[in-house]
Amino acid sequence: MVTKKNLMEIVQKLLVNVNESQMGNKYRDEIIAKLIDICSQNDYQFIANFEWYITVLVELSRVEGGTEHGGLIAQQLLDVAIRVEAIRSFVTRHMAILLENSHLFLNNSSVCEVLYAAAWICGEFADFIPNQMQTLLHLLTTTAFPAHITAVFLQNASKILSKMSNEKTDDFYKLCDELIDKHLPHFLTNEDLEVQERASSFLQIIQIIKSEDLNVEQLFFAYALNPVAAKAQRKVPIPVGLELDLPFV
């Protein structure tokens, strides 16, 4: 029986098994799935320390041999970061470290899904990034990841740059020039259309930042992000006169 008092002890024992070098991949993945299920059940009712849970998720993303549950780990990171405002600074710092070491995820297509969450969190909560310029450049170091992850890298790199645009120093303008001349051109020729579009949009944003005195930050951060319950849409009444079953033509 899992309780708030024994959750950490149970998870720690499961982590020991996960990190056993002779552990088979299938058995390891079953343990990881069960561990996350235990922690997340009933909207995390047994978790008293969410910083601890974030460190557990980060550790799971780094297990030797990888895991097929990268998407599940990513979903948990995103869910906790959005729901628990108090730990956003903590989780953002850890996600910046993951992006700094993104090369370690290149050989596992599932685990690299964690980088999707890391990029999204760093972009959405960019105020908490210890070194915004460094993290931005880490997002643009390679095109070797799957296209949907590369596209998210580009989108959130542009969000980080918009945060940095509040202080337009010489170093900031130098960074803009480097992005235009060095970092972004190879994304424009990517075989994936969404990656091309994100790169092109990023370049246009940089040009606007350089040439006009606009508050670009408002494009991305005009409204605070709040969690929405999965079943919230059911509570929204259908407007009077709206006929969803009526053909348009």
C-alpha atoms as a PDB file:
ATOM      1  CA  MET A   1       0.000   0.000   0.000  1.00  0.00           C
ATOM      2  CA  VAL A   2       1.520   3.304  -1.112  1.00  0.00           C
ATOM      3  CA  THR A   3       1.225   6.300   1.221  1.00  0.00           C
ATOM      4  CA  LYS A   4       2.837   9.726   1.490  1.00  0.00           C
ATOM      5  CA  LYS A   5       5.128   8.349   4.185  1.00  0.00           C
ATOM      6  CA  ASN A   6       6.495   5.379   2.251  1.00  0.00           C
ATOM      7  CA  LEU A   7       6.396   6.639  -1.369  1.00  0.00           C
ATOM      8  CA  MET A   8      10.007   7.848  -1.451  1.00  0.00           C
ATOM      9  CA  GLU A   9      11.269   4.585   0.033  1.00  0.00           C
ATOM     10  CA  ILE A  10       9.333   2.500  -2.495  1.00  0.00           C
ATOM     11  CA  VAL A  11      10.529   4.614  -5.426  1.00  0.00           C
ATOM     12  CA  GLN A  12      14.127   4.458  -4.217  1.00  0.00           C
ATOM     13  CA  LYS A  13      13.999   0.650  -4.174  1.00  0.00           C
ATOM     14  CA  LEU A  14      12.549   0.617  -7.687  1.00  0.00           C
ATOM     15  CA  LEU A  15      15.296   2.971  -8.879  1.00  0.00           C
ATOM     16  CA  VAL A  16      17.929   0.565  -7.582  1.00  0.00           C
ATOM     17  CA  ASN A  17      16.428  -2.157  -9.788  1.00  0.00           C
ATOM     18  CA  VAL A  18      16.182   0.188 -12.777  1.00  0.00           C
ATOM     19  CA  ASN A  19      19.879   0.993 -12.546  1.00  0.00           C
ATOM     20  CA  GLU A  20      21.040  -2.617 -12.311  1.00  0.00           C
ATOM     21  CA  SER A  21      23.431  -3.155 -15.233  1.00  0.00           C
ATOM     22  CA  GLN A  22      22.179  -6.699 -15.907  1.00  0.00           C
ATOM     23  CA  MET A  23      18.554  -5.588 -16.028  1.00  0.00           C
ATOM     24  CA  GLY A  24      16.796  -6.505 -19.268  1.00  0.00           C
ATOM     25  CA  ASN A  25      15.285  -3.645 -21.245  1.00  0.00           C
ATOM     26  CA  LYS A  26      11.733  -5.001 -21.112  1.00  0.00           C
ATOM     27  CA  TYR A  27      11.785  -5.520 -17.355  1.00  0.00           C
ATOM     28  CA  ARG A  28      13.399  -2.103 -16.844  1.00  0.00           C
ATOM     29  CA  ASP A  29      10.664  -0.440 -18.874  1.00  0.00           C
ATOM     30  CA  GLU A  30       7.964  -2.218 -16.864  1.00  0.00           C
ATOM     31  CA  ILE A  31       9.486  -0.929 -13.621  1.00  0.00           C
ATOM     32  CA  ILE A  32       9.728   2.624 -14.989  1.00  0.00           C
ATOM     33  CA  ALA A  33       6.091   2.566 -16.093  1.00  0.00           C
ATOM     34  CA  LYS A  34       4.981   1.245 -12.693  1.00  0.00           C
ATOM     35  CA  LEU A  35       7.104   3.811 -10.852  1.00  0.00           C
ATOM     36  CA  ILE A  36       5.538   6.703 -12.764  1.00  0.00           C
ATOM     37  CA  ASP A  37       2.066   5.228 -12.319  1.00  0.00           C
ATOM     38  CA  ILE A  38       2.562   5.048  -8.552  1.00  0.00           C
ATOM     39  CA  CYS A  39       3.780   8.637  -8.334  1.00  0.00           C
ATOM     40  CA  SER A  40       1.163  10.188 -10.608  1.00  0.00           C
ATOM     41  CA  GLN A  41      -1.943   8.327  -9.457  1.00  0.00           C
ATOM     42  CA  ASN A  42      -4.910  10.429  -8.319  1.00  0.00           C
ATOM     43  CA  ASP A  43      -3.243  13.669  -9.418  1.00  0.00           C
ATOM     44  CA  TYR A  44      -0.030  13.038  -7.447  1.00  0.00           C
ATOM     45  CA  GLN A  45      -1.837  12.651  -4.121  1.00  0.00           C
ATOM     46  CA  PHE A  46       1.089  10.830  -2.488  1.00  0.00           C
ATOM     47  CA  ILE A  47       3.812  13.302  -3.512  1.00  0.00           C
ATOM     48  CA  ALA A  48       4.788  15.759  -0.788  1.00  0.00           C
ATOM     49  CA  ASN A  49       7.947  17.045  -2.491  1.00  0.00           C
ATOM     50  CA  PHE A  50       7.684  17.791  -6.207  1.00  0.00           C
ATOM     51  CA  GLU A  51      11.343  18.771  -6.489  1.00  0.00           C
ATOM     52  CA  TRP A  52      12.158  15.213  -5.471  1.00  0.00           C
ATOM     53  CA  TYR A  53       9.828  13.874  -8.178  1.00  0.00           C
ATOM     54  CA  ILE A  54      11.482  16.039 -10.821  1.00  0.00           C
ATOM     55  CA  THR A  55      14.890  14.614  -9.878  1.00  0.00           C
ATOM     56  CA  VAL A  56      13.421  11.102 -10.163  1.00  0.00           C
ATOM     57  CA  LEU A  57      12.111  11.834 -13.668  1.00  0.00           C
ATOM     58  CA  VAL A  58      15.460  13.297 -14.715  1.00  0.00           C
ATOM     59  CA  GLU A  59      17.230  10.212 -13.374  1.00  0.00           C
ATOM     60  CA  LEU A  60      14.867   7.964 -15.330  1.00  0.00           C
ATOM     61  CA  SER A  61      15.699   9.850 -18.524  1.00  0.00           C
ATOM     62  CA  ARG A  62      19.368   9.034 -18.000  1.00  0.00           C
ATOM     63  CA  VAL A  63      19.190   5.315 -17.194  1.00  0.00           C
ATOM     64  CA  GLU A  64      21.884   3.289 -18.888  1.00  0.00           C
ATOM     65  CA  GLY A  65      20.492   1.525 -21.932  1.00  0.00           C
ATOM     66  CA  GLY A  66      17.626   3.993 -22.292  1.00  0.00           C
ATOM     67  CA  THR A  67      13.908   3.342 -22.043  1.00  0.00           C
ATOM     68  CA  GLU A  68      10.915   3.201 -24.356  1.00  0.00           C
ATOM     69  CA  HIS A  69       9.028   5.499 -21.982  1.00  0.00           C
ATOM     70  CA  GLY A  70      10.697   8.770 -22.959  1.00  0.00           C
ATOM     71  CA  GLY A  71       7.332  10.163 -24.018  1.00  0.00           C
ATOM     72  CA  LEU A  72       5.783   9.263 -20.660  1.00  0.00           C
ATOM     73  CA  ILE A  73       8.636  10.917 -18.763  1.00  0.00           C
ATOM     74  CA  ALA A  74       8.288  14.020 -20.943  1.00  0.00           C
ATOM     75  CA  GLN A  75       4.542  14.162 -20.294  1.00  0.00           C
ATOM     76  CA  GLN A  76       5.134  14.009 -16.551  1.00  0.00           C
ATOM     77  CA  LEU A  77       7.731  16.792 -16.648  1.00  0.00           C
ATOM     78  CA  LEU A  78       5.353  19.033 -18.588  1.00  0.00           C
ATOM     79  CA  ASP A  79       2.370  18.225 -16.398  1.00  0.00           C
ATOM     80  CA  VAL A  80       4.171  18.939 -13.130  1.00  0.00           C
ATOM     81  CA  ALA A  81       5.821  22.117 -14.433  1.00  0.00           C
ATOM     82  CA  ILE A  82       2.453  23.514 -15.516  1.00  0.00           C
ATOM     83  CA  ARG A  83       0.468  22.403 -12.473  1.00  0.00           C
ATOM     84  CA  VAL A  84       2.958  23.217  -9.689  1.00  0.00           C
ATOM     85  CA  GLU A  85       3.994  26.846 -10.008  1.00  0.00           C
ATOM     86  CA  ALA A  86       6.302  26.712  -6.990  1.00  0.00           C
ATOM     87  CA  ILE A  87       8.755  24.321  -8.658  1.00  0.00           C
ATOM     88  CA  ARG A  88       9.017  26.020 -12.059  1.00  0.00           C
ATOM     89  CA  SER A  89      12.372  27.599 -11.237  1.00  0.00           C
ATOM     90  CA  PHE A  90      13.747  24.249 -10.061  1.00  0.00           C
ATOM     91  CA  VAL A  91      12.495  22.251 -13.040  1.00  0.00           C
ATOM     92  CA  THR A  92      13.637  24.888 -15.552  1.00  0.00           C
ATOM     93  CA  ARG A  93      17.185  24.781 -14.222  1.00  0.00           C
ATOM     94  CA  HIS A  94      17.226  20.993 -14.559  1.00  0.00           C
ATOM     95  CA  MET A  95      15.805  21.163 -18.083  1.00  0.00           C
ATOM     96  CA  ALA A  96      18.536  23.618 -19.083  1.00  0.00           C
ATOM     97  CA  ILE A  97      21.104  21.051 -17.921  1.00  0.00           C
ATOM     98  CA  LEU A  98      19.409  18.338 -19.996  1.00  0.00           C
ATOM     99  CA  LEU A  99      19.602  20.568 -23.078  1.00  0.00           C
ATOM    100  CA  GLU A 100      23.263  21.238 -22.386  1.00  0.00           C
ATOM    101  CA  ASN A 101      23.842  17.477 -22.535  1.00  0.00           C
ATOM    102  CA  SER A 102      21.401  16.768 -25.355  1.00  0.00           C
ATOM    103  CA  HIS A 103      24.068  14.840 -27.290  1.00  0.00           C
ATOM    104  CA  LEU A 104      23.643  11.999 -24.784  1.00  0.00           C
ATOM    105  CA  PHE A 105      20.116  11.412 -26.135  1.00  0.00           C
ATOM    106  CA  LEU A 106      20.995  11.100 -29.812  1.00  0.00           C
ATOM    107  CA  ASN A 107      21.032   7.304 -29.920  1.00  0.00           C
ATOM    108  CA  ASN A 108      17.596   6.683 -28.420  1.00  0.00           C
ATOM    109  CA  SER A 109      14.538   7.914 -30.307  1.00  0.00           C
ATOM    110  CA  SER A 110      12.256   7.393 -27.306  1.00  0.00           C
ATOM    111  CA  VAL A 111      14.342   8.957 -24.547  1.00  0.00           C
ATOM    112  CA  CYS A 112      15.022  12.019 -26.704  1.00  0.00           C
ATOM    113  CA  GLU A 113      11.314  12.848 -26.260  1.00  0.00           C
ATOM    114  CA  VAL A 114      12.401  14.192 -22.873  1.00  0.00           C
ATOM    115  CA  LEU A 115      14.187  16.975 -24.767  1.00  0.00           C
ATOM    116  CA  TYR A 116      10.823  18.019 -26.215  1.00  0.00           C
ATOM    117  CA  ALA A 117       9.655  18.715 -22.669  1.00  0.00           C
ATOM    118  CA  ALA A 118      12.965  20.316 -21.699  1.00  0.00           C
ATOM    119  CA  ALA A 119      12.839  22.759 -24.610  1.00  0.00           C
ATOM    120  CA  TRP A 120       9.181  23.592 -24.032  1.00  0.00           C
ATOM    121  CA  ILE A 121       9.694  24.248 -20.313  1.00  0.00           C
ATOM    122  CA  CYS A 122      12.774  26.417 -20.890  1.00  0.00           C
ATOM    123  CA  GLY A 123      10.904  28.434 -23.496  1.00  0.00           C
ATOM    124  CA  GLU A 124       7.743  28.897 -21.437  1.00  0.00           C
ATOM    125  CA  PHE A 125       9.543  29.706 -18.186  1.00  0.00           C
ATOM    126  CA  ALA A 126      12.596  31.415 -19.655  1.00  0.00           C
ATOM    127  CA  ASP A 127      12.881  33.857 -16.746  1.00  0.00           C
ATOM    128  CA  PHE A 128      14.195  30.986 -14.625  1.00  0.00           C
ATOM    129  CA  ILE A 129      16.990  29.921 -16.999  1.00  0.00           C
ATOM    130  CA  PRO A 130      20.389  30.585 -15.351  1.00  0.00           C
ATOM    131  CA  ASN A 131      22.075  31.487 -18.663  1.00  0.00           C
ATOM    132  CA  GLN A 132      19.552  32.305 -21.373  1.00  0.00           C
ATOM    133  CA  MET A 133      22.082  32.808 -24.170  1.00  0.00           C
ATOM    134  CA  GLN A 134      23.792  29.506 -23.442  1.00  0.00           C
ATOM    135  CA  THR A 135      20.525  27.571 -23.365  1.00  0.00           C
ATOM    136  CA  LEU A 136      19.333  29.228 -26.577  1.00  0.00           C
ATOM    137  CA  LEU A 137      22.494  28.141 -28.386  1.00  0.00           C
ATOM    138  CA  HIS A 138      22.197  24.598 -27.013  1.00  0.00           C
ATOM    139  CA  LEU A 139      18.822  24.382 -28.740  1.00  0.00           C
ATOM    140  CA  LEU A 140      20.438  25.146 -32.092  1.00  0.00           C
ATOM    141  CA  THR A 141      23.510  22.909 -32.009  1.00  0.00           C
ATOM    142  CA  THR A 142      22.190  20.026 -34.129  1.00  0.00           C
ATOM    143  CA  THR A 143      19.509  18.937 -36.571  1.00  0.00           C
ATOM    144  CA  ALA A 144      20.019  15.244 -35.769  1.00  0.00           C
ATOM    145  CA  PHE A 145      16.910  14.866 -33.612  1.00  0.00           C
ATOM    146  CA  PRO A 146      13.478  13.931 -35.009  1.00  0.00           C
ATOM    147  CA  ALA A 147      11.782  16.777 -36.853  1.00  0.00           C
ATOM    148  CA  HIS A 148       9.070  17.414 -34.253  1.00  0.00           C
ATOM    149  CA  ILE A 149      11.724  17.879 -31.565  1.00  0.00           C
ATOM    150  CA  THR A 150      13.856  20.126 -33.777  1.00  0.00           C
ATOM    151  CA  ALA A 151      10.781  22.256 -34.500  1.00  0.00           C
ATOM    152  CA  VAL A 152      10.122  22.656 -30.772  1.00  0.00           C
ATOM    153  CA  PHE A 153      13.773  23.588 -30.255  1.00  0.00           C
ATOM    154  CA  LEU A 154      13.421  26.407 -32.787  1.00  0.00           C
ATOM    155  CA  GLN A 155      10.118  27.644 -31.405  1.00  0.00           C
ATOM    156  CA  ASN A 156      11.404  27.854 -27.862  1.00  0.00           C
ATOM    157  CA  ALA A 157      14.745  29.324 -28.864  1.00  0.00           C
ATOM    158  CA  SER A 158      12.769  32.216 -30.337  1.00  0.00           C
ATOM    159  CA  LYS A 159      10.828  32.572 -27.077  1.00  0.00           C
ATOM    160  CA  ILE A 160      14.061  32.742 -25.092  1.00  0.00           C
ATOM    161  CA  LEU A 161      15.413  35.381 -27.472  1.00  0.00           C
ATOM    162  CA  SER A 162      12.255  37.443 -27.001  1.00  0.00           C
ATOM    163  CA  LYS A 163      12.917  37.449 -23.254  1.00  0.00           C
ATOM    164  CA  MET A 164      16.484  38.584 -23.871  1.00  0.00           C
ATOM    165  CA  SER A 165      15.316  41.399 -26.152  1.00  0.00           C
ATOM    166  CA  ASN A 166      14.327  43.530 -23.163  1.00  0.00           C
ATOM    167  CA  GLU A 167      17.994  44.453 -22.753  1.00  0.00           C
ATOM    168  CA  LYS A 168      19.389  45.198 -26.196  1.00  0.00           C
ATOM    169  CA  THR A 169      23.086  45.297 -25.420  1.00  0.00           C
ATOM    170  CA  ASP A 170      25.966  44.963 -27.867  1.00  0.00           C
ATOM    171  CA  ASP A 171      26.228  41.280 -26.937  1.00  0.00           C
ATOM    172  CA  PHE A 172      22.558  40.811 -27.755  1.00  0.00           C
ATOM    173  CA  TYR A 173      22.915  42.310 -31.230  1.00  0.00           C
ATOM    174  CA  LYS A 174      26.037  40.220 -31.774  1.00  0.00           C
ATOM    175  CA  LEU A 175      24.016  37.126 -30.880  1.00  0.00           C
ATOM    176  CA  CYS A 176      21.318  38.124 -33.379  1.00  0.00           C
ATOM    177  CA  ASP A 177      23.907  38.407 -36.132  1.00  0.00           C
ATOM    178  CA  GLU A 178      25.359  35.001 -35.235  1.00  0.00           C
ATOM    179  CA  LEU A 179      21.908  33.432 -35.340  1.00  0.00           C
ATOM    180  CA  ILE A 180      21.242  34.882 -38.791  1.00  0.00           C
ATOM    181  CA  ASP A 181      24.631  34.073 -40.298  1.00  0.00           C
ATOM    182  CA  LYS A 182      25.679  30.884 -38.527  1.00  0.00           C
ATOM    183  CA  HIS A 183      23.040  28.998 -36.560  1.00  0.00           C
ATOM    184  CA  LEU A 184      19.755  29.217 -38.454  1.00  0.00           C
ATOM    185  CA  PRO A 185      20.575  28.828 -42.185  1.00  0.00           C
ATOM    186  CA  HIS A 186      20.988  25.037 -42.066  1.00  0.00           C
ATOM    187  CA  PHE A 187      17.510  24.694 -40.534  1.00  0.00           C
ATOM    188  CA  LEU A 188      16.048  26.466 -43.568  1.00  0.00           C
ATOM    189  CA  THR A 189      17.099  23.575 -45.805  1.00  0.00           C
ATOM    190  CA  ASN A 190      15.809  20.856 -43.477  1.00  0.00           C
ATOM    191  CA  GLU A 191      13.712  18.227 -45.259  1.00  0.00           C
ATOM    192  CA  ASP A 192      10.850  18.747 -42.807  1.00  0.00           C
ATOM    193  CA  LEU A 193       8.503  21.609 -43.715  1.00  0.00           C
ATOM    194  CA  GLU A 194       7.623  22.504 -40.138  1.00  0.00           C
ATOM    195  CA  VAL A 195      11.296  22.865 -39.241  1.00  0.00           C
ATOM    196  CA  GLN A 196      11.774  25.127 -42.257  1.00  0.00           C
ATOM    197  CA  GLU A 197       8.764  27.214 -41.255  1.00  0.00           C
ATOM    198  CA  ARG A 198       9.899  27.588 -37.640  1.00  0.00           C
ATOM    199  CA  ALA A 199      13.389  28.605 -38.772  1.00  0.00           C
ATOM    200  CA  SER A 200      11.998  31.131 -41.236  1.00  0.00           C
ATOM    201  CA  SER A 201       9.698  32.613 -38.589  1.00  0.00           C
ATOM    202  CA  PHE A 202      12.601  32.821 -36.152  1.00  0.00           C
ATOM    203  CA  LEU A 203      14.662  34.752 -38.692  1.00  0.00           C
ATOM    204  CA  GLN A 204      11.807  37.196 -39.254  1.00  0.00           C
ATOM    205  CA  ILE A 205      11.457  37.741 -35.517  1.00  0.00           C
ATOM    206  CA  ILE A 206      15.164  38.507 -35.263  1.00  0.00           C
ATOM    207  CA  GLN A 207      14.918  41.020 -38.094  1.00  0.00           C
ATOM    208  CA  ILE A 208      11.997  42.740 -36.363  1.00  0.00           C
ATOM    209  CA  ILE A 209      13.874  42.856 -33.066  1.00  0.00           C
ATOM    210  CA  LYS A 210      16.899  44.415 -34.747  1.00  0.00           C
ATOM    211  CA  SER A 211      15.088  46.982 -36.862  1.00  0.00           C
ATOM    212  CA  GLU A 212      12.152  48.128 -34.738  1.00  0.00           C
ATOM    213  CA  ASP A 213      11.528  49.168 -31.161  1.00  0.00           C
ATOM    214  CA  LEU A 214       8.797  46.620 -30.441  1.00  0.00           C
ATOM    215  CA  ASN A 215       7.950  44.587 -27.362  1.00  0.00           C
ATOM    216  CA  VAL A 216       8.390  41.193 -29.013  1.00  0.00           C
ATOM    217  CA  GLU A 217       8.085  39.447 -25.661  1.00  0.00           C
ATOM    218  CA  GLN A 218       4.342  40.122 -25.703  1.00  0.00           C
ATOM    219  CA  LEU A 219       4.004  37.901 -28.775  1.00  0.00           C
ATOM    220  CA  PHE A 220       4.820  34.879 -26.621  1.00  0.00           C
ATOM    221  CA  PHE A 221       4.077  35.830 -23.027  1.00  0.00           C
ATOM    222  CA  ALA A 222       1.048  38.133 -23.094  1.00  0.00           C
ATOM    223  CA  TYR A 223      -0.954  35.759 -20.882  1.00  0.00           C
ATOM    224  CA  ALA A 224       0.016  33.463 -18.031  1.00  0.00           C
ATOM    225  CA  LEU A 225      -0.180  29.737 -18.712  1.00  0.00           C
ATOM    226  CA  ASN A 226      -2.604  27.976 -16.381  1.00  0.00           C
ATOM    227  CA  PRO A 227      -3.389  24.254 -16.165  1.00  0.00           C
ATOM    228  CA  VAL A 228      -6.660  23.045 -17.666  1.00  0.00           C
ATOM    229  CA  ALA A 229      -8.377  19.871 -16.515  1.00  0.00           C
ATOM    230  CA  ALA A 230      -8.594  17.127 -19.121  1.00  0.00           C
ATOM    231  CA  LYS A 231     -12.410  17.101 -18.888  1.00  0.00           C
ATOM    232  CA  ALA A 232     -12.875  20.880 -18.673  1.00  0.00           C
ATOM    233  CA  GLN A 233     -14.334  21.154 -22.183  1.00  0.00           C
ATOM    234  CA  ARG A 234     -17.326  19.061 -21.126  1.00  0.00           C
ATOM    235  CA  LYS A 235     -18.328  21.812 -18.696  1.00  0.00           C
ATOM    236  CA  VAL A 236     -18.504  24.470 -21.420  1.00  0.00           C
ATOM    237  CA  PRO A 237     -22.115  24.835 -22.600  1.00  0.00           C
ATOM    238  CA  ILE A 238     -22.811  24.668 -26.333  1.00  0.00           C
ATOM    239  CA  PRO A 239     -23.818  28.139 -27.603  1.00  0.00           C
ATOM    240  CA  VAL A 240     -27.475  28.587 -28.462  1.00  0.00           C
ATOM    241  CA  GLY A 241     -28.057  28.102 -32.178  1.00  0.00           C
ATOM    242  CA  LEU A 242     -24.851  26.169 -32.817  1.00  0.00           C
ATOM    243  CA  GLU A 243     -25.676  23.054 -34.832  1.00  0.00           C
ATOM    244  CA  LEU A 244     -22.600  20.829 -34.972  1.00  0.00           C
ATOM    245  CA  ASP A 245     -24.279  18.166 -37.109  1.00  0.00           C
ATOM    246  CA  LEU A 246     -25.455  20.549 -39.831  1.00  0.00           C
ATOM    247  CA  PRO A 247     -23.324  20.356 -43.030  1.00  0.00           C
ATOM    248  CA  PHE A 248     -21.612  23.589 -44.121  1.00  0.00           C
ATOM    249  CA  VAL A 249     -22.541  22.996 -47.768  1.00  0.00           C
END
